[in-house]
Amino acid sequence: MSQPIGRRLLAVTALVANGGALVLVVLSLFDDVAALALGLVCLGLASMAMYVALVSRGALRWITTTTSVVLALVVVIDLVVVADVLRAIALVALAAISVCATSVVLRQALTDRLRASILRAVAPAKRPVLVVNPKSGGGKAERFGLVEACEQRGVEPVVLQQGDHLEALAERAATSGADVVGMAGGDGSQALVAGVAARHGIAHVCIPSGTRNHLALDLGLDRDDVVGALDAYGDGFERTLDLATVNAMTFVNNASLGLYAAVVESEEYRDAKVSTTLDRLPDLLGPSAEPFRLRFTTPVGEHFDRAHVIHVSNNPYAMHSFVGSGSRPRLDGGVLGVTTLRIDRASDVPALLALVKAGRAQSFAGYREWTATSFRVDADEPVAAGVDGEAISLRPPLLFEAHPAAVRVRIPRHAPGLSPGALAEISIARRLGALTRVAAGRPV
């Protein structure tokens, strides 16, 4: 398939901007190596000071926070005072042009490829049903008039009332003849309804009316267009989606044990996420903190009886974060992404953070990452877990399993269907190669 002329011009623009930015960077490095070294040292010290602030309380937290801010300002001043202002402006402009043009070109090219290989066109649903949680996401469904929009489009809304059982409502819709059943709510609710759709062999629709809507993000939906997601019930596209389970409980995104689970289980977390996290970190990561007693074995036969984090995702993430954020390049790989972390000394945390920022977390001694179709964790007592952002307690042993192509999911035609993680996985060399092919009018 040949490339449109507009996309080819954008690819050429991105390549030229890349080259110009590279030349300016090289010239700047030769001009003042000392200023560059000062900036890097201050940046490293600022990161270390911020770590101490996170795992401390009282006066020490305020002192180290102030120190971190001051060091960050030194970096900014170093760059502004020493740098050639015009050159700096040119570099920023070229970098912005390069990033934007490259992103647009690759997103369009990958969307074309996705629609040709994974997505298939489907006719409008014959008996569409949407289960609506009116309280999810701070009342998004009510603010956007979702129920009224359903009625206008011929979609039957089933509104969750206090005391209702969500899974039972979805089951009732499926057994009553619905050929597509959707969920307007958070990721935990999406998992329950997707599990029902999978059992009955009908399609699922994700309406992003939750708080974070990670599944919608990885399905390539516009999370700000709640009503527009209803277009999936009409002439849209369909694809298969893997599901995962832990002790037979379905999840669509991830399940975390350890640090994240300990924070999420706090009663204050849902109303004050940031302050609750900051309040718990000294106990969980400070000098006197102990790893959680969780036992597991890696595929190469390493046995562990302690861990600070065990993160299991329904397909691996492109950029791992130990609180479950990020994005997955694909949702149909048929595997679990398993990430574990053990920190032997509190002083190792700054080094870990630096490696994570550099994209080299796997170099940390206590970090392990692999894919598997199943994974087992043992413990001596019930384990706190964060499953798709919901705090629950699980009885050991914990058995995680992947279920490939478990459910069919519909998305609107106007949605690209592309996860941000699909772009994040592309290396610089492959990005340049893809841009060159597009510029030449060849397929990616």
Protein backbone atom coordinates (compact mmCIF):
# COMPACT_ATOMS: atom_id res chain seq x y z
CA MET A 1 0.00 0.00 0.00
CA SER A 2 1.49 3.34 -1.06
CA GLN A 3 1.72 6.19 1.41
CA PRO A 4 -0.44 9.36 1.07
CA ILE A 5 1.50 12.44 -0.05
CA GLY A 6 0.72 14.32 3.18
CA ARG A 7 2.18 11.51 5.29
CA ARG A 8 5.28 11.37 3.08
CA LEU A 9 5.87 15.10 3.54
CA LEU A 10 5.50 14.74 7.31
CA ALA A 11 8.04 11.92 7.31
CA VAL A 12 10.52 14.06 5.36
CA THR A 13 9.94 16.92 7.82
CA ALA A 14 10.61 14.61 10.77
CA LEU A 15 13.85 13.31 9.23
CA VAL A 16 15.12 16.84 8.50
CA ALA A 17 14.24 18.00 12.05
CA ASN A 18 16.00 14.95 13.52
CA GLY A 19 19.16 15.75 11.59
CA GLY A 20 19.10 19.42 12.54
CA ALA A 21 18.60 18.66 16.23
CA LEU A 22 21.49 16.17 16.20
CA VAL A 23 23.85 18.75 14.71
CA LEU A 24 22.88 21.35 17.35
CA VAL A 25 23.34 18.85 20.21
CA VAL A 26 26.84 17.94 19.00
CA LEU A 27 27.80 21.63 18.70
CA SER A 28 26.46 22.34 22.21
CA LEU A 29 28.40 19.45 23.76
CA PHE A 30 31.67 20.67 22.29
CA ASP A 31 31.01 24.23 23.43
CA ASP A 32 30.82 23.61 27.18
CA VAL A 33 31.41 20.14 28.57
CA ALA A 34 31.79 21.51 32.13
CA ALA A 35 28.28 22.99 32.10
CA LEU A 36 26.87 19.70 30.89
CA ALA A 37 28.70 17.79 33.66
CA LEU A 38 27.42 20.24 36.32
CA GLY A 39 23.85 19.82 35.07
CA LEU A 40 24.04 16.02 35.15
CA VAL A 41 25.55 15.95 38.68
CA CYS A 42 22.91 18.33 40.07
CA LEU A 43 20.16 16.32 38.39
CA GLY A 44 21.43 13.12 40.01
CA LEU A 45 21.69 14.75 43.44
CA ALA A 46 18.18 16.20 43.06
CA SER A 47 16.82 12.70 42.38
CA MET A 48 18.57 11.29 45.46
CA ALA A 49 17.26 14.12 47.64
CA MET A 50 13.72 13.55 46.40
CA TYR A 51 14.02 9.84 47.24
CA VAL A 52 15.05 10.67 50.83
CA ALA A 53 12.07 13.03 51.02
CA LEU A 54 9.68 10.28 49.92
CA VAL A 55 10.84 7.76 52.53
CA SER A 56 11.17 10.24 55.42
CA ARG A 57 8.85 12.21 57.64
CA GLY A 58 8.88 15.51 59.52
CA ALA A 59 11.76 18.00 59.22
CA LEU A 60 13.96 15.68 57.15
CA ARG A 61 11.25 15.40 54.46
CA TRP A 62 10.94 19.20 54.18
CA ILE A 63 14.73 19.74 54.15
CA THR A 64 15.36 17.17 51.42
CA THR A 65 12.39 18.35 49.37
CA THR A 66 13.77 21.92 49.48
CA THR A 67 17.23 20.64 48.56
CA SER A 68 15.83 18.75 45.59
CA VAL A 69 13.98 21.83 44.32
CA VAL A 70 17.08 24.03 44.72
CA LEU A 71 19.24 21.54 42.80
CA ALA A 72 16.63 21.36 40.04
CA LEU A 73 16.72 25.17 39.79
CA VAL A 74 20.53 25.03 39.51
CA VAL A 75 20.11 22.72 36.51
CA VAL A 76 17.69 25.16 34.86
CA ILE A 77 19.95 28.17 35.55
CA ASP A 78 22.96 26.22 34.28
CA LEU A 79 21.19 25.54 31.00
CA VAL A 80 19.83 29.08 30.58
CA VAL A 81 22.98 31.02 31.55
CA VAL A 82 25.54 28.92 29.72
CA ALA A 83 23.55 27.97 26.64
CA ASP A 84 23.28 30.05 23.52
CA VAL A 85 19.66 31.22 23.77
CA LEU A 86 19.02 31.18 20.03
CA ARG A 87 20.57 27.75 19.71
CA ALA A 88 18.51 26.49 22.64
CA ILE A 89 15.29 27.83 21.10
CA ALA A 90 16.18 26.23 17.76
CA LEU A 91 16.91 22.91 19.45
CA VAL A 92 13.61 22.93 21.32
CA ALA A 93 11.72 23.83 18.14
CA LEU A 94 13.41 21.11 16.07
CA ALA A 95 12.85 18.53 18.81
CA ALA A 96 9.16 19.46 19.04
CA ILE A 97 8.73 19.24 15.25
CA SER A 98 10.54 15.91 15.16
CA VAL A 99 8.52 14.37 18.00
CA CYS A 100 5.16 15.57 16.72
CA ALA A 101 5.76 14.68 13.07
CA THR A 102 7.24 11.28 13.93
CA SER A 103 4.36 10.48 16.26
CA VAL A 104 1.73 11.38 13.65
CA VAL A 105 3.45 9.43 10.87
CA LEU A 106 4.01 6.29 12.93
CA ARG A 107 0.53 6.39 14.47
CA GLN A 108 -1.10 6.64 11.05
CA ALA A 109 1.10 3.92 9.55
CA LEU A 110 0.58 1.54 12.46
CA THR A 111 -3.17 2.20 12.45
CA ASP A 112 -3.28 1.19 8.78
CA ARG A 113 -1.39 -1.98 9.61
CA LEU A 114 -3.60 -2.74 12.61
CA ARG A 115 -6.80 -2.38 10.58
CA ALA A 116 -5.42 -4.64 7.86
CA SER A 117 -4.20 -7.39 10.18
CA ILE A 118 -6.12 -7.41 13.48
CA LEU A 119 -9.36 -5.44 13.19
CA ARG A 120 -12.34 -6.69 11.20
CA ALA A 121 -15.38 -4.67 10.19
CA VAL A 122 -18.68 -5.61 11.85
CA ALA A 123 -22.31 -4.68 11.29
CA PRO A 124 -24.35 -2.83 13.94
CA ALA A 125 -25.34 -4.82 17.01
CA LYS A 126 -28.81 -6.33 16.81
CA ARG A 127 -29.59 -6.20 20.52
CA PRO A 128 -27.05 -3.98 22.26
CA VAL A 129 -26.96 -3.60 26.04
CA LEU A 130 -24.80 -1.30 28.17
CA VAL A 131 -24.42 -1.72 31.93
CA VAL A 132 -23.85 1.73 33.45
CA ASN A 133 -22.27 2.51 36.80
CA PRO A 134 -23.51 6.09 37.37
CA LYS A 135 -21.06 6.72 40.24
CA SER A 136 -17.86 5.58 38.49
CA GLY A 137 -15.28 8.24 37.67
CA GLY A 138 -16.95 10.75 39.97
CA GLY A 139 -20.26 10.47 38.13
CA LYS A 140 -19.00 10.70 34.51
CA ALA A 141 -21.99 8.78 33.12
CA GLU A 142 -24.41 11.31 34.58
CA ARG A 143 -22.32 14.34 33.55
CA PHE A 144 -22.16 13.19 29.93
CA GLY A 145 -25.80 12.10 29.77
CA LEU A 146 -24.80 8.56 28.87
CA VAL A 147 -28.16 6.92 29.56
CA GLU A 148 -29.97 9.44 27.32
CA ALA A 149 -27.34 8.94 24.59
CA CYS A 150 -27.92 5.17 24.77
CA GLU A 151 -31.66 5.58 24.33
CA GLN A 152 -31.14 7.85 21.32
CA ARG A 153 -28.92 5.22 19.66
CA GLY A 154 -31.12 2.22 20.40
CA VAL A 155 -28.78 0.81 23.06
CA GLU A 156 -30.55 -0.60 26.12
CA PRO A 157 -29.06 0.96 29.28
CA VAL A 158 -28.99 -1.11 32.47
CA VAL A 159 -28.19 1.27 35.34
CA LEU A 160 -26.45 -0.18 38.37
CA GLN A 161 -28.36 0.67 41.52
CA GLN A 162 -27.25 0.43 45.13
CA GLY A 163 -27.37 -3.22 46.19
CA ASP A 164 -27.24 -4.58 42.63
CA HIS A 165 -24.69 -7.23 41.69
CA LEU A 166 -22.86 -6.08 38.57
CA GLU A 167 -21.98 -9.53 37.25
CA ALA A 168 -25.56 -10.73 37.75
CA LEU A 169 -26.89 -7.79 35.68
CA ALA A 170 -24.49 -8.62 32.85
CA GLU A 171 -25.44 -12.32 33.04
CA ARG A 172 -29.12 -11.43 32.83
CA ALA A 173 -28.50 -9.32 29.73
CA ALA A 174 -26.46 -12.08 28.08
CA THR A 175 -29.03 -14.81 28.78
CA SER A 176 -31.87 -12.53 27.60
CA GLY A 177 -30.52 -12.37 24.06
CA ALA A 178 -28.04 -9.48 23.99
CA ASP A 179 -25.50 -9.93 21.19
CA VAL A 180 -23.22 -7.15 22.51
CA VAL A 181 -22.91 -6.23 26.18
CA GLY A 182 -20.83 -3.25 27.25
CA MET A 183 -19.72 -1.63 30.48
CA ALA A 184 -19.56 2.05 31.36
CA GLY A 185 -17.29 2.13 34.38
CA GLY A 186 -13.80 1.48 35.70
CA ASP A 187 -11.41 -1.30 34.78
CA GLY A 188 -12.53 -3.62 37.57
CA SER A 189 -16.09 -3.43 36.24
CA GLN A 190 -14.85 -3.90 32.67
CA ALA A 191 -13.20 -7.16 33.74
CA LEU A 192 -16.41 -8.53 35.27
CA VAL A 193 -18.56 -7.75 32.22
CA ALA A 194 -15.88 -8.87 29.75
CA GLY A 195 -15.74 -12.18 31.63
CA VAL A 196 -19.49 -12.59 31.20
CA ALA A 197 -19.24 -11.75 27.48
CA ALA A 198 -16.45 -14.32 27.11
CA ARG A 199 -18.50 -17.08 28.78
CA HIS A 200 -21.48 -16.42 26.51
CA GLY A 201 -19.48 -15.92 23.31
CA ILE A 202 -20.81 -12.39 22.69
CA ALA A 203 -18.93 -9.15 22.03
CA HIS A 204 -17.94 -6.56 24.64
CA VAL A 205 -17.80 -2.76 24.44
CA CYS A 206 -15.65 -0.61 26.73
CA ILE A 207 -17.09 2.82 27.58
CA PRO A 208 -14.43 4.92 29.39
CA SER A 209 -16.46 6.44 32.22
CA GLY A 210 -14.12 5.29 35.00
CA THR A 211 -11.34 7.23 36.70
CA ARG A 212 -8.25 6.06 34.79
CA ASN A 213 -9.64 3.78 32.05
CA HIS A 214 -6.40 1.91 31.31
CA LEU A 215 -8.17 -0.71 29.20
CA ALA A 216 -9.67 2.04 27.01
CA LEU A 217 -6.19 3.56 26.63
CA ASP A 218 -4.71 0.28 25.40
CA LEU A 219 -7.66 -0.32 23.08
CA GLY A 220 -6.83 3.00 21.42
CA LEU A 221 -10.01 4.77 22.53
CA ASP A 222 -10.31 8.48 23.24
CA ARG A 223 -10.82 8.41 27.02
CA ASP A 224 -12.28 11.94 26.95
CA ASP A 225 -14.99 11.00 24.42
CA VAL A 226 -17.31 8.96 26.63
CA VAL A 227 -20.41 9.27 24.42
CA GLY A 228 -18.43 8.76 21.20
CA ALA A 229 -17.38 5.31 22.43
CA LEU A 230 -21.02 4.23 21.94
CA ASP A 231 -20.32 4.23 18.19
CA ALA A 232 -18.77 0.79 18.75
CA TYR A 233 -22.34 -0.59 18.80
CA GLY A 234 -22.85 0.60 15.22
CA ASP A 235 -20.71 -0.02 12.13
CA GLY A 236 -17.41 -0.52 13.88
CA PHE A 237 -14.40 -2.78 14.19
CA GLU A 238 -13.93 -5.93 16.24
CA ARG A 239 -10.83 -7.62 17.62
CA THR A 240 -9.99 -10.32 20.14
CA LEU A 241 -8.77 -9.52 23.64
CA ASP A 242 -6.90 -11.75 26.05
CA LEU A 243 -8.13 -12.00 29.63
CA ALA A 244 -6.16 -13.01 32.71
CA THR A 245 -7.21 -14.51 36.03
CA VAL A 246 -5.84 -14.79 39.54
CA ASN A 247 -7.49 -17.61 41.49
CA ALA A 248 -10.24 -17.59 38.81
CA MET A 249 -10.89 -13.83 39.27
CA THR A 250 -10.75 -12.06 35.89
CA PHE A 251 -8.66 -8.95 35.28
CA VAL A 252 -8.11 -6.98 32.08
CA ASN A 253 -5.06 -4.92 33.07
CA ASN A 254 -2.92 -6.06 35.98
CA ALA A 255 -2.70 -7.41 39.49
CA SER A 256 -0.08 -6.09 41.93
CA LEU A 257 1.20 -7.51 45.19
CA GLY A 258 3.45 -5.70 47.65
CA LEU A 259 3.95 -1.92 47.68
CA TYR A 260 1.05 -0.90 45.47
CA ALA A 261 -1.38 -3.31 47.13
CA ALA A 262 -0.37 -2.04 50.57
CA VAL A 263 -1.11 1.55 49.55
CA VAL A 264 -4.38 0.76 47.75
CA GLU A 265 -5.81 -1.18 50.70
CA SER A 266 -5.68 1.98 52.86
CA GLU A 267 -9.20 3.31 53.42
CA GLU A 268 -7.98 6.84 52.71
CA TYR A 269 -6.46 5.98 49.29
CA ARG A 270 -9.56 6.43 47.11
CA ASP A 271 -10.25 9.96 48.40
CA ALA A 272 -6.63 11.13 48.76
CA LYS A 273 -4.32 9.06 46.55
CA VAL A 274 -1.22 11.27 46.62
CA SER A 275 -1.20 12.11 50.32
CA THR A 276 -1.96 8.51 51.30
CA THR A 277 0.89 7.23 49.13
CA LEU A 278 3.34 9.76 50.58
CA ASP A 279 2.24 8.85 54.09
CA ARG A 280 2.79 5.10 53.54
CA LEU A 281 6.10 5.20 51.66
CA PRO A 282 8.38 5.68 54.71
CA ASP A 283 6.97 2.47 56.23
CA LEU A 284 7.12 0.54 52.95
CA LEU A 285 10.45 1.70 51.49
CA GLY A 286 12.32 3.35 54.36
CA PRO A 287 15.51 2.01 55.98
CA SER A 288 13.58 -0.22 58.42
CA ALA A 289 11.14 -1.61 55.83
CA GLU A 290 11.03 -5.34 55.17
CA PRO A 291 10.10 -7.00 51.86
CA PHE A 292 6.75 -8.78 51.73
CA ARG A 293 6.81 -12.54 52.38
CA LEU A 294 5.86 -13.76 48.97
CA ARG A 295 7.41 -16.93 47.51
CA PHE A 296 7.84 -17.60 43.80
CA THR A 297 10.16 -19.20 41.26
CA THR A 298 11.38 -17.61 38.02
CA PRO A 299 11.46 -19.54 34.72
CA VAL A 300 15.24 -20.08 35.11
CA GLY A 301 14.77 -21.76 38.49
CA GLU A 302 15.58 -18.88 40.87
CA HIS A 303 13.65 -19.20 44.15
CA PHE A 304 12.64 -16.08 46.09
CA ASP A 305 10.89 -15.84 49.46
CA ARG A 306 10.65 -12.04 49.69
CA ALA A 307 9.65 -9.24 47.31
CA HIS A 308 8.72 -5.58 47.45
CA VAL A 309 6.69 -5.77 44.24
CA ILE A 310 5.10 -8.52 42.18
CA HIS A 311 3.29 -7.10 39.18
CA VAL A 312 1.40 -9.43 36.82
CA SER A 313 -0.21 -7.96 33.73
CA ASN A 314 -2.52 -9.22 31.01
CA ASN A 315 0.23 -9.00 28.34
CA PRO A 316 3.43 -7.09 29.14
CA TYR A 317 3.73 -3.32 29.40
CA ALA A 318 6.05 -1.29 27.18
CA MET A 319 7.23 0.93 30.03
CA HIS A 320 6.94 -0.75 33.40
CA SER A 321 5.89 1.14 36.48
CA PHE A 322 5.52 -0.54 39.82
CA VAL A 323 2.12 1.06 40.44
CA GLY A 324 0.58 -0.40 37.34
CA SER A 325 0.57 2.53 35.00
CA GLY A 326 2.00 2.57 31.48
CA SER A 327 0.64 1.00 28.33
CA ARG A 328 0.76 -2.36 26.55
CA PRO A 329 1.88 -2.64 22.91
CA ARG A 330 -0.59 -5.47 22.31
CA LEU A 331 -3.53 -7.15 24.02
CA ASP A 332 -3.50 -10.45 22.16
CA GLY A 333 -0.07 -11.92 22.88
CA GLY A 334 -1.56 -14.75 24.94
CA VAL A 335 0.87 -14.29 27.86
CA LEU A 336 1.22 -12.68 31.26
CA GLY A 337 3.84 -10.01 31.83
CA VAL A 338 5.53 -10.69 35.18
CA THR A 339 7.73 -8.12 36.93
CA THR A 340 9.20 -8.63 40.40
CA LEU A 341 11.34 -6.35 42.52
CA ARG A 342 13.32 -6.84 45.71
CA ILE A 343 15.36 -4.03 47.28
CA ASP A 344 17.99 -5.26 49.73
CA ARG A 345 19.02 -1.81 50.97
CA ALA A 346 17.03 1.41 51.10
CA SER A 347 20.06 3.19 49.65
CA ASP A 348 19.59 1.19 46.43
CA VAL A 349 16.36 3.02 45.54
CA PRO A 350 18.02 6.07 43.90
CA ALA A 351 20.04 3.73 41.67
CA LEU A 352 16.86 1.85 40.76
CA LEU A 353 15.01 5.07 39.90
CA ALA A 354 17.90 6.21 37.71
CA LEU A 355 17.90 2.87 35.84
CA VAL A 356 14.12 3.01 35.36
CA LYS A 357 14.38 6.53 33.91
CA ALA A 358 17.14 5.33 31.58
CA GLY A 359 15.00 2.38 30.43
CA ARG A 360 17.44 -0.11 31.97
CA ALA A 361 15.50 -1.37 35.01
CA GLN A 362 16.52 -4.92 34.12
CA SER A 363 20.10 -4.01 35.14
CA PHE A 364 19.04 -3.65 38.79
CA ALA A 365 20.13 -6.68 40.83
CA GLY A 366 16.73 -7.23 42.45
CA TYR A 367 14.67 -6.78 39.28
CA ARG A 368 13.25 -9.71 37.28
CA GLU A 369 11.00 -9.60 34.23
CA TRP A 370 9.57 -12.35 32.03
CA THR A 371 6.48 -13.59 30.23
CA ALA A 372 4.56 -16.78 31.00
CA THR A 373 1.19 -18.40 30.48
CA SER A 374 0.86 -19.07 34.22
CA PHE A 375 2.57 -17.97 37.43
CA ARG A 376 2.24 -19.06 41.07
CA VAL A 377 2.89 -17.11 44.27
CA ASP A 378 2.85 -18.76 47.71
CA ALA A 379 2.46 -17.13 51.11
CA ASP A 380 1.67 -18.12 54.70
CA GLU A 381 -1.33 -15.82 55.10
CA PRO A 382 -3.91 -13.98 52.96
CA VAL A 383 -2.25 -11.62 50.48
CA ALA A 384 -3.31 -8.01 49.87
CA ALA A 385 -3.61 -7.33 46.14
CA GLY A 386 -4.53 -4.48 43.84
CA VAL A 387 -6.45 -6.05 40.94
CA ASP A 388 -7.32 -3.57 38.18
CA GLY A 389 -7.00 -0.85 40.82
CA GLU A 390 -9.33 -2.50 43.34
CA ALA A 391 -8.05 -3.59 46.75
CA ILE A 392 -8.84 -7.23 47.59
CA SER A 393 -7.44 -10.03 49.75
CA LEU A 394 -6.49 -13.36 48.15
CA ARG A 395 -5.97 -16.74 49.78
CA PRO A 396 -2.67 -18.42 48.85
CA PRO A 397 -1.53 -20.02 46.72
CA LEU A 398 -2.15 -17.36 44.08
CA LEU A 399 -2.39 -18.83 40.58
CA PHE A 400 -2.21 -16.36 37.69
CA GLU A 401 -3.28 -17.62 34.26
CA ALA A 402 -3.47 -16.15 30.74
CA HIS A 403 -6.54 -16.81 28.59
CA PRO A 404 -5.69 -16.01 24.95
CA ALA A 405 -8.34 -14.52 22.63
CA ALA A 406 -10.93 -14.93 25.38
CA VAL A 407 -13.38 -12.24 24.30
CA ARG A 408 -14.33 -10.20 21.23
CA VAL A 409 -14.19 -6.44 21.74
CA ARG A 410 -15.75 -3.78 19.49
CA ILE A 411 -14.30 -0.29 18.95
CA PRO A 412 -15.66 2.68 16.94
CA ARG A 413 -14.44 3.31 13.40
CA HIS A 414 -13.14 6.73 14.39
CA ALA A 415 -10.86 5.22 17.06
CA PRO A 416 -7.34 4.41 15.83
CA GLY A 417 -7.31 1.29 18.01
CA LEU A 418 -3.62 1.85 18.69
CA SER A 419 -2.07 1.66 22.14
CA PRO A 420 0.53 4.31 23.13
CA GLY A 421 2.71 1.36 24.10
CA ALA A 422 2.87 0.25 20.47
CA LEU A 423 4.72 3.48 19.67
CA ALA A 424 6.83 3.38 22.83
CA GLU A 425 8.23 -0.05 21.90
CA ILE A 426 9.72 1.18 18.63
CA SER A 427 13.46 1.82 18.96
CA ILE A 428 15.08 4.97 17.59
CA ALA A 429 16.70 2.98 14.78
CA ARG A 430 13.37 1.42 13.79
CA ARG A 431 11.63 4.82 13.97
CA LEU A 432 14.17 6.27 11.54
CA GLY A 433 13.80 3.25 9.30
CA ALA A 434 10.01 3.56 9.32
CA LEU A 435 10.20 7.30 8.57
CA THR A 436 12.55 6.61 5.66
CA ARG A 437 10.17 3.99 4.22
CA VAL A 438 7.17 6.31 4.54
CA ALA A 439 9.11 9.21 2.97
CA ALA A 440 9.91 6.90 0.05
CA GLY A 441 6.23 5.94 -0.26
CA ARG A 442 6.81 2.34 0.87
CA PRO A 443 4.69 0.45 3.47
CA VAL A 444 5.91 0.13 7.05
